[in-house]
Amino acid sequence: MKFQIHIVDDEHTVAQSLKRILTTSEREIEVSNSGYEALKKTETKSFDLFILDYRLGDMDGIQLLEHLKNTSADAIYIFITAFGNVETAVRAMKAGAFDFIQKDQNPEVIRFTVQRALDTIRLRKEVELLKNSIFQERGPRKMVAESPVMKEILQIAEKYAQTDCTILITGETGTGKNVLAEFIHYQSNRFNNPFLAINCCTIPANLMESELFGYEKGAFTGAHTNGKVGLIERANEGTLFLDEIGELTPDLQAKLLYIIERQEFLRIGSVEPQKVNTRIIAATNVDLEKMIEEKNFRSDLYYRLNVASIKLPPLRERKEDILPLSKLFIEEFNKRFNKNVKQIADDAADYLINAPWKGNIRELKNLLERVMILTEEETLSFRELQKAFTPFSNDHSPEKNAFFSLHLNPSKGTNLLQESQKQLVIQALKKCNCNRSSAARMLGIPRTTLNFYLKKFDLQSEEPALKNS
């Protein structure tokens, strides 16, 4: 690790003497003889440590520190002066200095002070590197946020991550609530501790309590001889993500509320509560407020979970994210299936952007996974997408989706405008099972205008056939 040190002193001999004393193989030292010169150098180079003369010819050392903080906020600052006293030392420390030393001090004291500052910097960098490596190796999947709404959500999530408050994430199935929960965990100070997740609807109610709280040896018939550590305890100092929180039984809801409020829990079969510091993030795709009205969910638990809330929009409301997500999945499946898809053709992109995606991101990913298994091409075209449409459902076919395709042959004498109108009317009727009012709404025209086109193109007689097609 190479440290960048900047010595700023208006006495040339003192600056060079400090450089000679502090030079080692792991340090690169820059010298400036004025505050203005130092500021110019920081415009093109970043530094880890500044050693500032308290009294400079062109400005006060405190003034220089305040200017430097605008471009080098993460750096550490040590003041050095020939006129040291308690008052100047206190002023320097209040301004943000790491330490304050005198020029006439023993060189070993100066080296020790600088080394202590560099050890602090090293620790900061190692923590940041560790955080980044964990984030990459076992951290959350990448959050795609090209749409304005998702950019705002990530900004909010990052702010929530800096606290320990409980968070409730809502949204339709497949919108990525679990991915957002992981993102929050790895952006928080708990990033180096466990992130555990459980879907509350996948485990029978009679087993859920032991999964969450664990149990003591012999707590019940069939209990493991050594007992069991539950998820609440395993996630201590980390985060526990409870997906589909609305599926918890009233009894478990009460126990979860106790944990959130008291930060302690009881294993099954134990009489001694255990302290725990586990952050709870919950998610649901149902209306919890409606469940409260129906007496199926505790209002007090809801308000404790809903300290901070995020609502994830469906994919159809964040169309700007569809192609970036698709490219991310294609890159993932290229590696997994040893494929070489390099781009998405325009017709495939149009389909992906305009499809309804009732299953949201999960549906998009599943479709692309099937495509990538089947394709041998380098370009993902709509024809390649068609190969992945299941034979049991036509939900993905163009005729079943709320967007249109035109097949025009610009041959001599063909009125392309009228042909386009006719094809759009026919497709709208097919999509709406010949319900004229629905077809008119889909086309964005009054029903009377649709009737005009039906008569103009002599389509009334074809309606029974279109209805059965």
Protein backbone atom coordinates (compact mmCIF):
# COMPACT_ATOMS: atom_id res chain seq x y z
CA MET A 1 0.00 0.00 0.00
CA LYS A 2 1.52 3.30 -1.12
CA PHE A 3 0.70 6.39 0.97
CA GLN A 4 0.56 9.86 -0.58
CA ILE A 5 1.85 12.54 1.82
CA HIS A 6 1.83 16.29 1.20
CA ILE A 7 4.10 18.54 3.31
CA VAL A 8 3.17 22.24 3.22
CA ASP A 9 5.68 24.60 4.84
CA ASP A 10 6.88 28.02 3.68
CA GLU A 11 10.39 27.31 4.99
CA HIS A 12 12.06 25.29 2.23
CA THR A 13 14.75 23.78 4.48
CA VAL A 14 12.19 22.64 7.08
CA ALA A 15 9.98 21.04 4.40
CA GLN A 16 12.92 19.17 2.86
CA SER A 17 14.12 18.08 6.31
CA LEU A 18 10.68 16.64 7.09
CA LYS A 19 10.65 14.85 3.74
CA ARG A 20 14.05 13.31 4.47
CA ILE A 21 12.97 12.19 7.96
CA LEU A 22 9.71 10.63 6.77
CA THR A 23 10.72 9.05 3.46
CA THR A 24 10.28 5.27 3.21
CA SER A 25 9.56 2.84 0.39
CA GLU A 26 5.81 2.85 1.09
CA ARG A 27 5.48 6.65 1.10
CA GLU A 28 5.40 9.10 -1.78
CA ILE A 29 5.99 12.62 -0.47
CA GLU A 30 5.12 15.91 -2.19
CA VAL A 31 6.35 19.30 -0.92
CA SER A 32 4.72 22.72 -1.31
CA ASN A 33 6.05 26.03 0.05
CA SER A 34 2.76 27.92 0.10
CA GLY A 35 -0.92 27.31 0.64
CA TYR A 36 -1.73 28.39 -2.92
CA GLU A 37 0.80 25.91 -4.36
CA ALA A 38 -0.68 23.12 -2.21
CA LEU A 39 -4.23 23.85 -3.40
CA LYS A 40 -3.11 23.76 -7.05
CA LYS A 41 -1.49 20.35 -6.60
CA THR A 42 -4.59 18.87 -4.98
CA GLU A 43 -6.58 19.73 -8.10
CA THR A 44 -4.77 17.00 -10.03
CA LYS A 45 -3.61 14.61 -7.31
CA SER A 46 -5.15 13.10 -4.20
CA PHE A 47 -3.33 12.73 -0.89
CA ASP A 48 -3.82 10.56 2.18
CA LEU A 49 -1.99 12.73 4.71
CA PHE A 50 -1.24 16.47 4.90
CA ILE A 51 1.45 17.89 7.21
CA LEU A 52 0.64 21.60 7.42
CA ASP A 53 2.67 24.45 8.83
CA TYR A 54 0.44 26.33 11.26
CA ARG A 55 1.76 29.68 10.02
CA LEU A 56 2.15 30.04 6.26
CA GLY A 57 3.21 33.14 4.41
CA ASP A 58 0.11 33.48 2.22
CA MET A 59 -2.56 32.07 4.52
CA ASP A 60 -3.26 30.64 7.95
CA GLY A 61 -2.83 26.85 8.26
CA ILE A 62 -6.40 26.54 9.57
CA GLN A 63 -7.68 28.39 6.50
CA LEU A 64 -5.72 26.03 4.25
CA LEU A 65 -7.19 23.00 6.04
CA GLU A 66 -10.73 24.29 5.47
CA HIS A 67 -10.01 24.74 1.75
CA LEU A 68 -8.38 21.31 1.47
CA LYS A 69 -11.37 19.59 3.05
CA ASN A 70 -13.44 20.52 -0.01
CA THR A 71 -11.28 18.28 -2.22
CA SER A 72 -9.62 15.95 0.32
CA ALA A 73 -12.34 15.29 2.88
CA ASP A 74 -11.06 11.77 3.67
CA ALA A 75 -7.45 12.83 4.25
CA ILE A 76 -5.81 13.13 7.66
CA TYR A 77 -4.21 16.44 8.73
CA ILE A 78 -1.27 16.99 11.10
CA PHE A 79 -0.21 20.50 12.09
CA ILE A 80 3.43 21.34 12.76
CA THR A 81 4.74 24.67 14.04
CA ALA A 82 7.64 26.35 15.79
CA PHE A 83 5.24 28.31 18.02
CA GLY A 84 3.31 25.61 19.83
CA ASN A 85 1.05 26.25 22.80
CA VAL A 86 -2.13 24.79 24.21
CA GLU A 87 -4.36 27.40 22.59
CA THR A 88 -3.08 26.78 19.05
CA ALA A 89 -3.20 23.02 19.57
CA VAL A 90 -6.82 23.17 20.70
CA ARG A 91 -7.72 25.37 17.73
CA ALA A 92 -6.06 22.93 15.33
CA MET A 93 -7.82 19.91 16.83
CA LYS A 94 -11.19 21.66 16.67
CA ALA A 95 -10.58 22.40 13.00
CA GLY A 96 -10.20 18.67 12.34
CA ALA A 97 -6.49 18.00 12.83
CA PHE A 98 -5.41 14.47 13.71
CA ASP A 99 -2.49 15.70 15.83
CA PHE A 100 -0.31 18.73 16.56
CA ILE A 101 3.51 18.61 16.85
CA GLN A 102 6.36 21.11 17.18
CA LYS A 103 9.20 21.47 14.71
CA ASP A 104 11.85 21.18 17.40
CA GLN A 105 10.61 17.83 18.62
CA ASN A 106 12.75 14.74 18.33
CA PRO A 107 12.54 13.22 14.82
CA GLU A 108 11.41 9.93 16.39
CA VAL A 109 8.36 11.69 17.85
CA ILE A 110 7.52 13.10 14.44
CA ARG A 111 7.96 9.68 12.80
CA PHE A 112 5.79 8.06 15.48
CA THR A 113 3.00 10.63 15.03
CA VAL A 114 3.04 10.26 11.24
CA GLN A 115 3.11 6.45 11.47
CA ARG A 116 0.10 6.51 13.80
CA ALA A 117 -1.78 8.61 11.25
CA LEU A 118 -0.79 6.24 8.42
CA ASP A 119 -1.93 3.22 10.47
CA THR A 120 -5.33 4.87 10.80
CA ILE A 121 -5.44 5.46 7.03
CA ARG A 122 -4.36 1.86 6.37
CA LEU A 123 -7.13 0.56 8.62
CA ARG A 124 -9.71 2.70 6.82
CA LYS A 125 -8.56 1.44 3.43
CA GLU A 126 -8.49 -2.18 4.53
CA VAL A 127 -12.03 -1.91 5.89
CA GLU A 128 -13.18 -0.34 2.63
CA LEU A 129 -11.42 -3.02 0.57
CA LEU A 130 -12.95 -5.71 2.76
CA LYS A 131 -16.38 -4.17 2.39
CA ASN A 132 -16.00 -3.98 -1.39
CA SER A 133 -14.70 -7.55 -1.68
CA ILE A 134 -17.52 -8.91 0.46
CA PHE A 135 -19.98 -6.86 -1.55
CA GLN A 136 -18.66 -8.40 -4.77
CA GLU A 137 -18.13 -11.98 -3.58
CA ARG A 138 -21.16 -12.63 -1.45
CA GLY A 139 -23.01 -9.36 -1.57
CA PRO A 140 -26.33 -8.57 -3.20
CA ARG A 141 -27.07 -8.82 -6.84
CA LYS A 142 -26.59 -5.57 -8.68
CA MET A 143 -29.40 -3.06 -8.32
CA VAL A 144 -30.38 -1.59 -11.69
CA ALA A 145 -31.63 1.97 -11.40
CA GLU A 146 -31.83 3.80 -14.72
CA SER A 147 -35.39 5.00 -14.15
CA PRO A 148 -35.93 8.16 -12.04
CA VAL A 149 -38.16 6.28 -9.57
CA MET A 150 -35.51 3.61 -8.89
CA LYS A 151 -32.73 6.19 -8.54
CA GLU A 152 -34.78 7.91 -5.86
CA ILE A 153 -35.52 4.58 -4.12
CA LEU A 154 -31.81 3.69 -3.96
CA GLN A 155 -31.00 7.11 -2.48
CA ILE A 156 -33.62 6.53 0.22
CA ALA A 157 -32.38 2.97 0.80
CA GLU A 158 -28.81 4.18 1.32
CA LYS A 159 -30.02 6.64 3.97
CA TYR A 160 -32.02 3.94 5.74
CA ALA A 161 -28.96 1.68 5.62
CA GLN A 162 -27.01 4.07 7.85
CA THR A 163 -29.50 3.49 10.68
CA ASP A 164 -30.63 0.39 12.56
CA CYS A 165 -34.35 1.04 12.11
CA THR A 166 -36.71 -1.70 10.94
CA ILE A 167 -37.76 -1.41 7.30
CA LEU A 168 -40.89 -2.59 5.48
CA ILE A 169 -40.55 -3.17 1.73
CA THR A 170 -43.77 -3.50 -0.26
CA GLY A 171 -44.49 -4.24 -3.90
CA GLU A 172 -45.84 -6.82 -6.29
CA THR A 173 -44.39 -10.32 -6.51
CA GLY A 174 -41.13 -10.39 -8.46
CA THR A 175 -40.21 -6.70 -8.08
CA GLY A 176 -36.94 -7.47 -6.27
CA LYS A 177 -37.78 -6.87 -2.62
CA ASN A 178 -35.21 -9.44 -1.48
CA VAL A 179 -32.53 -7.87 -3.66
CA LEU A 180 -33.24 -4.43 -2.17
CA ALA A 181 -33.05 -5.90 1.36
CA GLU A 182 -29.60 -7.32 0.57
CA PHE A 183 -28.54 -3.97 -0.87
CA ILE A 184 -29.54 -2.19 2.35
CA HIS A 185 -27.66 -4.73 4.48
CA TYR A 186 -24.42 -4.44 2.51
CA GLN A 187 -24.62 -0.64 2.52
CA SER A 188 -24.93 -0.63 6.31
CA ASN A 189 -22.33 -0.96 9.06
CA ARG A 190 -23.50 -4.56 9.46
CA PHE A 191 -22.12 -5.53 6.04
CA ASN A 192 -19.51 -7.89 7.51
CA ASN A 193 -22.09 -9.80 9.57
CA PRO A 194 -24.75 -12.30 8.47
CA PHE A 195 -27.59 -11.50 6.12
CA LEU A 196 -30.19 -14.25 6.52
CA ALA A 197 -33.52 -14.50 4.71
CA ILE A 198 -36.61 -16.61 5.15
CA ASN A 199 -39.88 -16.71 3.23
CA CYS A 200 -42.62 -16.93 5.84
CA CYS A 201 -45.02 -18.75 3.51
CA THR A 202 -42.67 -21.62 2.67
CA ILE A 203 -42.41 -23.12 6.16
CA PRO A 204 -45.37 -24.68 8.01
CA ALA A 205 -46.61 -22.62 10.94
CA ASN A 206 -45.77 -25.34 13.47
CA LEU A 207 -42.10 -25.30 12.35
CA MET A 208 -41.72 -21.56 11.87
CA GLU A 209 -41.21 -20.80 15.56
CA SER A 210 -38.27 -23.19 15.91
CA GLU A 211 -36.73 -21.84 12.68
CA LEU A 212 -36.88 -18.27 13.99
CA PHE A 213 -36.14 -18.74 17.70
CA GLY A 214 -34.40 -22.10 17.94
CA TYR A 215 -34.91 -24.49 20.85
CA GLU A 216 -33.16 -25.98 23.85
CA LYS A 217 -32.11 -29.60 24.18
CA GLY A 218 -35.19 -31.77 24.83
CA ALA A 219 -37.58 -28.84 24.47
CA PHE A 220 -40.15 -31.07 22.77
CA THR A 221 -40.52 -34.56 21.35
CA GLY A 222 -38.19 -34.93 18.41
CA ALA A 223 -36.02 -31.95 19.38
CA HIS A 224 -32.38 -32.36 18.39
CA THR A 225 -30.24 -33.58 21.27
CA ASN A 226 -28.01 -30.52 21.06
CA GLY A 227 -30.79 -27.99 20.59
CA LYS A 228 -30.93 -25.55 17.69
CA VAL A 229 -29.84 -21.96 17.06
CA GLY A 230 -32.62 -20.01 15.35
CA LEU A 231 -32.34 -17.40 12.62
CA ILE A 232 -32.86 -14.52 15.06
CA GLU A 233 -29.75 -15.59 16.97
CA ARG A 234 -27.70 -16.55 13.90
CA ALA A 235 -28.30 -13.08 12.43
CA ASN A 236 -27.04 -11.33 15.58
CA GLU A 237 -25.19 -8.10 14.66
CA GLY A 238 -26.48 -8.62 11.13
CA THR A 239 -29.81 -8.52 9.31
CA LEU A 240 -32.77 -10.90 9.15
CA PHE A 241 -35.02 -10.51 6.13
CA LEU A 242 -38.59 -11.78 6.60
CA ASP A 243 -40.27 -12.11 3.22
CA GLU A 244 -44.09 -12.41 3.04
CA ILE A 245 -44.36 -11.16 6.63
CA GLY A 246 -48.16 -11.26 6.37
CA GLU A 247 -48.03 -15.07 6.56
CA LEU A 248 -46.86 -15.12 10.19
CA THR A 249 -49.38 -16.46 12.68
CA PRO A 250 -50.73 -14.04 15.35
CA ASP A 251 -48.67 -15.85 18.00
CA LEU A 252 -45.43 -15.38 16.05
CA GLN A 253 -46.36 -11.80 15.27
CA ALA A 254 -46.54 -11.08 19.02
CA LYS A 255 -43.15 -12.73 19.63
CA LEU A 256 -41.54 -10.83 16.77
CA LEU A 257 -42.91 -7.57 18.18
CA TYR A 258 -41.33 -8.44 21.55
CA ILE A 259 -37.94 -9.00 19.90
CA ILE A 260 -38.07 -5.70 18.01
CA GLU A 261 -39.08 -3.74 21.12
CA ARG A 262 -36.87 -5.46 23.70
CA GLN A 263 -33.98 -6.77 21.59
CA GLU A 264 -34.22 -10.10 23.36
CA PHE A 265 -35.87 -13.46 22.70
CA LEU A 266 -36.57 -16.85 24.22
CA ARG A 267 -35.55 -20.14 22.68
CA ILE A 268 -38.27 -22.77 22.81
CA GLY A 269 -37.90 -24.57 26.14
CA SER A 270 -35.81 -21.80 27.72
CA VAL A 271 -36.78 -19.57 30.65
CA GLU A 272 -33.86 -17.16 30.32
CA PRO A 273 -34.21 -14.46 27.62
CA GLN A 274 -31.16 -13.80 25.45
CA LYS A 275 -30.09 -10.39 24.22
CA VAL A 276 -29.76 -9.99 20.48
CA ASN A 277 -28.88 -7.16 18.11
CA THR A 278 -30.55 -8.20 14.88
CA ARG A 279 -31.91 -5.77 12.36
CA ILE A 280 -35.29 -6.75 10.90
CA ILE A 281 -36.24 -6.00 7.31
CA ALA A 282 -39.67 -7.27 6.29
CA ALA A 283 -41.40 -7.46 2.94
CA THR A 284 -44.89 -8.18 1.65
CA ASN A 285 -46.94 -8.09 -1.53
CA VAL A 286 -50.26 -7.84 0.33
CA ASP A 287 -52.06 -4.90 1.90
CA LEU A 288 -51.16 -5.15 5.60
CA GLU A 289 -53.50 -2.32 6.52
CA LYS A 290 -56.38 -4.31 5.04
CA MET A 291 -55.19 -7.36 7.00
CA ILE A 292 -55.26 -5.23 10.16
CA GLU A 293 -58.89 -4.27 9.45
CA GLU A 294 -59.69 -7.95 8.98
CA LYS A 295 -57.96 -8.77 12.33
CA ASN A 296 -55.32 -10.90 10.57
CA PHE A 297 -52.29 -8.73 11.36
CA ARG A 298 -51.29 -6.87 14.50
CA SER A 299 -51.40 -3.11 14.15
CA ASP A 300 -48.67 -2.61 16.76
CA LEU A 301 -46.31 -4.90 14.81
CA TYR A 302 -47.18 -3.11 11.58
CA TYR A 303 -46.22 0.26 13.04
CA ARG A 304 -42.98 -1.15 14.44
CA LEU A 305 -42.06 -2.67 11.09
CA ASN A 306 -43.12 0.41 9.18
CA VAL A 307 -40.65 2.78 10.85
CA ALA A 308 -39.09 3.17 7.40
CA SER A 309 -40.88 1.97 4.28
CA ILE A 310 -40.06 1.55 0.60
CA LYS A 311 -42.56 0.69 -2.11
CA LEU A 312 -41.01 -0.97 -5.16
CA PRO A 313 -42.82 -0.16 -8.42
CA PRO A 314 -43.78 -2.91 -10.89
CA LEU A 315 -41.50 -3.37 -13.88
CA ARG A 316 -44.11 -1.90 -16.24
CA GLU A 317 -43.73 1.43 -14.41
CA ARG A 318 -39.94 1.51 -14.75
CA LYS A 319 -39.46 0.73 -18.43
CA GLU A 320 -36.05 2.46 -18.50
CA ASP A 321 -34.73 -0.42 -16.37
CA ILE A 322 -35.94 -3.27 -18.60
CA LEU A 323 -33.10 -3.32 -21.14
CA PRO A 324 -30.34 -2.78 -18.52
CA LEU A 325 -31.82 -5.63 -16.50
CA SER A 326 -32.02 -7.80 -19.61
CA LYS A 327 -28.37 -7.14 -20.42
CA LEU A 328 -27.40 -7.96 -16.83
CA PHE A 329 -29.24 -11.30 -17.01
CA ILE A 330 -27.80 -12.07 -20.45
CA GLU A 331 -24.30 -11.49 -19.08
CA GLU A 332 -25.05 -13.82 -16.16
CA PHE A 333 -26.46 -16.56 -18.43
CA ASN A 334 -23.60 -16.19 -20.92
CA LYS A 335 -21.26 -17.30 -18.14
CA ARG A 336 -23.54 -19.97 -16.76
CA PHE A 337 -24.45 -21.61 -20.07
CA ASN A 338 -21.25 -20.80 -21.97
CA LYS A 339 -23.10 -18.68 -24.53
CA ASN A 340 -21.96 -15.61 -26.46
CA VAL A 341 -24.95 -13.30 -26.84
CA LYS A 342 -23.52 -9.83 -27.43
CA GLN A 343 -26.52 -7.64 -28.24
CA ILE A 344 -30.29 -7.32 -28.31
CA ALA A 345 -31.92 -6.71 -31.69
CA ASP A 346 -34.36 -3.82 -32.08
CA ASP A 347 -37.42 -6.08 -32.49
CA ALA A 348 -36.52 -8.00 -29.32
CA ALA A 349 -35.87 -4.75 -27.45
CA ASP A 350 -39.29 -3.41 -28.51
CA TYR A 351 -40.93 -6.57 -27.24
CA LEU A 352 -39.08 -6.54 -23.92
CA ILE A 353 -39.86 -2.89 -23.26
CA ASN A 354 -43.56 -3.15 -24.11
CA ALA A 355 -44.49 -6.56 -22.67
CA PRO A 356 -46.73 -6.31 -19.56
CA TRP A 357 -44.46 -8.41 -17.28
CA LYS A 358 -47.15 -9.40 -14.81
CA GLY A 359 -44.49 -11.40 -12.97
CA ASN A 360 -42.14 -8.40 -13.01
CA ILE A 361 -38.35 -8.93 -12.86
CA ARG A 362 -38.72 -12.61 -11.99
CA GLU A 363 -40.75 -13.23 -15.15
CA LEU A 364 -38.25 -11.29 -17.28
CA LYS A 365 -35.34 -13.27 -15.87
CA ASN A 366 -37.10 -16.62 -16.33
CA LEU A 367 -37.89 -15.84 -19.97
CA LEU A 368 -34.31 -14.80 -20.70
CA GLU A 369 -32.96 -17.89 -18.97
CA ARG A 370 -35.04 -20.10 -21.31
CA VAL A 371 -33.90 -18.03 -24.29
CA MET A 372 -30.25 -18.34 -23.34
CA ILE A 373 -30.53 -22.12 -22.91
CA LEU A 374 -31.96 -22.46 -26.43
CA THR A 375 -30.12 -19.84 -28.47
CA GLU A 376 -26.89 -20.32 -30.37
CA GLU A 377 -26.85 -16.81 -31.85
CA GLU A 378 -24.80 -13.74 -30.88
CA THR A 379 -27.78 -11.42 -31.32
CA LEU A 380 -30.96 -11.85 -29.33
CA SER A 381 -33.81 -11.27 -31.80
CA PHE A 382 -37.55 -11.52 -31.34
CA ARG A 383 -37.41 -14.81 -33.22
CA GLU A 384 -35.06 -16.13 -30.52
CA LEU A 385 -37.50 -14.93 -27.87
CA GLN A 386 -40.32 -16.80 -29.59
CA LYS A 387 -38.44 -20.07 -29.15
CA ALA A 388 -38.76 -19.63 -25.39
CA PHE A 389 -42.52 -19.00 -25.33
CA THR A 390 -44.07 -21.99 -23.59
CA PRO A 391 -46.42 -24.22 -25.61
CA PHE A 392 -48.85 -24.21 -22.70
CA SER A 393 -49.49 -20.48 -22.69
CA ASN A 394 -49.57 -17.77 -25.31
CA ASP A 395 -49.28 -14.99 -22.75
CA HIS A 396 -45.97 -13.87 -24.26
CA SER A 397 -47.10 -13.83 -27.88
CA PRO A 398 -47.47 -10.41 -29.50
CA GLU A 399 -51.18 -10.89 -30.14
CA LYS A 400 -51.81 -11.44 -26.42
CA ASN A 401 -49.90 -8.39 -25.25
CA ALA A 402 -51.07 -4.82 -25.23
CA PHE A 403 -48.82 -3.67 -28.05
CA PHE A 404 -49.05 -3.97 -31.80
CA SER A 405 -46.93 -5.13 -34.70
CA LEU A 406 -47.34 -4.18 -38.34
CA HIS A 407 -46.55 -6.35 -41.34
CA LEU A 408 -46.50 -4.08 -44.37
CA ASN A 409 -45.51 -4.78 -47.95
CA PRO A 410 -44.76 -1.51 -49.73
CA SER A 411 -45.77 -2.85 -53.14
CA LYS A 412 -46.95 -0.59 -55.92
CA GLY A 413 -50.41 0.82 -55.40
CA THR A 414 -50.64 -0.13 -51.69
CA ASN A 415 -51.92 2.58 -49.36
CA LEU A 416 -49.66 1.87 -46.38
CA LEU A 417 -51.52 4.28 -44.10
CA GLN A 418 -54.86 2.56 -44.62
CA GLU A 419 -53.26 -0.89 -44.38
CA SER A 420 -51.68 0.13 -41.04
CA GLN A 421 -55.05 1.33 -39.74
CA LYS A 422 -56.74 -1.91 -40.79
CA GLN A 423 -54.11 -4.11 -39.13
CA LEU A 424 -54.27 -2.11 -35.89
CA VAL A 425 -58.07 -2.40 -35.78
CA ILE A 426 -57.95 -6.16 -36.41
CA GLN A 427 -55.29 -6.70 -33.71
CA ALA A 428 -57.23 -4.62 -31.18
CA LEU A 429 -60.39 -6.63 -31.83
CA LYS A 430 -58.49 -9.90 -31.40
CA LYS A 431 -56.91 -8.75 -28.14
CA CYS A 432 -60.28 -7.66 -26.75
CA ASN A 433 -62.26 -10.67 -28.01
CA CYS A 434 -64.22 -8.33 -30.29
CA ASN A 435 -65.41 -6.13 -27.43
CA ARG A 436 -65.67 -2.87 -29.36
CA SER A 437 -65.57 -0.59 -26.31
CA SER A 438 -62.39 -2.26 -25.02
CA ALA A 439 -60.81 -2.24 -28.47
CA ALA A 440 -61.58 1.47 -28.88
CA ARG A 441 -59.97 2.23 -25.49
CA MET A 442 -56.90 0.21 -26.47
CA LEU A 443 -56.58 2.17 -29.70
CA GLY A 444 -57.17 5.47 -27.91
CA ILE A 445 -60.14 6.42 -30.10
CA PRO A 446 -63.89 6.88 -29.51
CA ARG A 447 -66.12 3.86 -30.17
CA THR A 448 -67.84 5.81 -32.95
CA THR A 449 -64.50 6.20 -34.73
CA LEU A 450 -63.87 2.45 -34.38
CA ASN A 451 -67.30 1.78 -35.90
CA PHE A 452 -66.32 4.04 -38.79
CA TYR A 453 -63.17 2.00 -39.46
CA LEU A 454 -65.05 -1.30 -39.19
CA LYS A 455 -67.43 -0.11 -41.88
CA LYS A 456 -64.66 1.45 -43.97
CA PHE A 457 -62.62 -1.75 -44.05
CA ASP A 458 -65.71 -4.00 -44.19
CA LEU A 459 -64.73 -5.86 -41.04
CA GLN A 460 -68.18 -6.36 -39.44
CA SER A 461 -68.62 -9.69 -41.18
CA GLU A 462 -65.21 -10.86 -39.96
CA GLU A 463 -65.85 -10.20 -36.27
CA PRO A 464 -67.13 -13.76 -35.44
CA ALA A 465 -63.97 -15.23 -36.98
CA LEU A 466 -61.77 -12.72 -35.12
CA LYS A 467 -63.50 -13.56 -31.87
CA ASN A 468 -62.67 -17.24 -32.20
CA SER A 469 -59.12 -16.71 -33.48
